Amino acid sequence: MNDKPDLAVTADVQGDAPAGVFAETVGDIIDRAMTDYGVDDAEISSADIAALNSAAPYPAGIFIDDDSKMRDQVSYLANSV
């Protein structure tokens, strides 16, 4: 854009896609976020992730525009199910 737009500019962003796969469900987003944060896979309950994905099998997302803690972001996502 060379000029300031008259209306708001928006975008739909899917995030990162390691190995070509986007994390779209609540469980997968939580799993990806915790793994990216450095939580060891052995500490993440695959049964809980599967239960979240089963309860909410539809695409989800989260917009983070502050310095909130990972715990708060995970709680927000999990409580949305």
Protein backbone atom coordinates (compact mmCIF):
# COMPACT_ATOMS: atom_id res chain seq x y z
CA MET A 1 0.00 0.00 0.00
CA ASN A 2 1.34 3.34 -0.98
CA ASP A 3 -1.38 5.39 0.70
CA LYS A 4 -3.18 5.17 4.01
CA PRO A 5 -6.37 3.11 3.43
CA ASP A 6 -9.76 4.71 4.05
CA LEU A 7 -11.09 1.61 5.81
CA ALA A 8 -9.58 -0.91 8.20
CA VAL A 9 -7.28 -3.52 6.70
CA THR A 10 -7.93 -7.07 7.96
CA ALA A 11 -6.40 -10.46 7.34
CA ASP A 12 -7.24 -14.08 8.07
CA VAL A 13 -4.04 -15.76 9.22
CA GLN A 14 -3.61 -19.49 9.72
CA GLY A 15 -0.29 -19.39 11.55
CA ASP A 16 2.71 -21.61 11.03
CA ALA A 17 2.55 -24.97 9.32
CA PRO A 18 5.48 -27.21 10.21
CA ALA A 19 5.49 -30.14 7.79
CA GLY A 20 2.64 -28.42 5.94
CA VAL A 21 0.02 -28.95 8.67
CA PHE A 22 -1.82 -26.06 10.36
CA ALA A 23 -2.99 -26.40 13.96
CA GLU A 24 -6.70 -25.59 13.60
CA THR A 25 -8.58 -27.22 16.47
CA VAL A 26 -8.43 -26.12 20.10
CA GLY A 27 -6.53 -29.24 21.15
CA ASP A 28 -4.01 -28.98 18.32
CA ILE A 29 -3.47 -25.26 18.94
CA ILE A 30 -2.84 -25.92 22.65
CA ASP A 31 -0.51 -28.81 21.80
CA ARG A 32 1.45 -26.70 19.30
CA ALA A 33 1.64 -23.70 21.63
CA MET A 34 2.88 -25.75 24.57
CA THR A 35 5.43 -27.58 22.40
CA ASP A 36 6.66 -24.31 20.90
CA TYR A 37 6.89 -22.89 24.44
CA GLY A 38 9.23 -25.74 25.35
CA VAL A 39 6.96 -28.13 27.23
CA ASP A 40 8.22 -31.69 26.73
CA ASP A 41 5.90 -33.96 24.75
CA ALA A 42 5.88 -36.43 27.66
CA GLU A 43 4.26 -33.74 29.83
CA ILE A 44 1.41 -33.08 27.38
CA SER A 45 -1.52 -35.46 27.77
CA SER A 46 -2.36 -36.79 24.32
CA ALA A 47 -5.65 -38.11 25.76
CA ASP A 48 -6.61 -34.59 26.89
CA ILE A 49 -5.66 -33.13 23.50
CA ALA A 50 -7.75 -35.81 21.77
CA ALA A 51 -10.68 -35.12 24.14
CA LEU A 52 -10.55 -31.39 23.32
CA ASN A 53 -10.44 -32.16 19.60
CA SER A 54 -13.37 -34.56 19.98
CA ALA A 55 -15.43 -32.02 21.93
CA ALA A 56 -14.59 -29.20 19.50
CA PRO A 57 -13.65 -30.69 16.08
CA TYR A 58 -14.07 -27.36 14.27
CA PRO A 59 -11.47 -24.71 13.39
CA ALA A 60 -10.60 -22.33 16.20
CA GLY A 61 -8.11 -19.57 16.81
CA ILE A 62 -6.79 -17.05 19.26
CA PHE A 63 -5.65 -13.46 18.81
CA ILE A 64 -2.92 -12.40 21.21
CA ASP A 65 -2.01 -8.74 21.33
CA ASP A 66 -0.46 -8.47 24.76
CA ASP A 67 2.15 -10.06 26.98
CA SER A 68 -0.24 -12.59 28.52
CA LYS A 69 1.16 -15.76 29.98
CA MET A 70 1.02 -19.09 28.15
CA ARG A 71 -1.08 -20.50 31.02
CA ASP A 72 -3.71 -17.79 30.44
CA GLN A 73 -3.78 -18.41 26.68
CA VAL A 74 -4.15 -22.18 27.13
CA SER A 75 -6.90 -21.65 29.72
CA TYR A 76 -8.75 -19.29 27.39
CA LEU A 77 -8.65 -21.83 24.58
CA ALA A 78 -9.59 -24.81 26.76
CA ASN A 79 -12.47 -22.90 28.36
CA SER A 80 -13.88 -22.11 24.92
CA VAL A 81 -14.81 -25.79 24.46
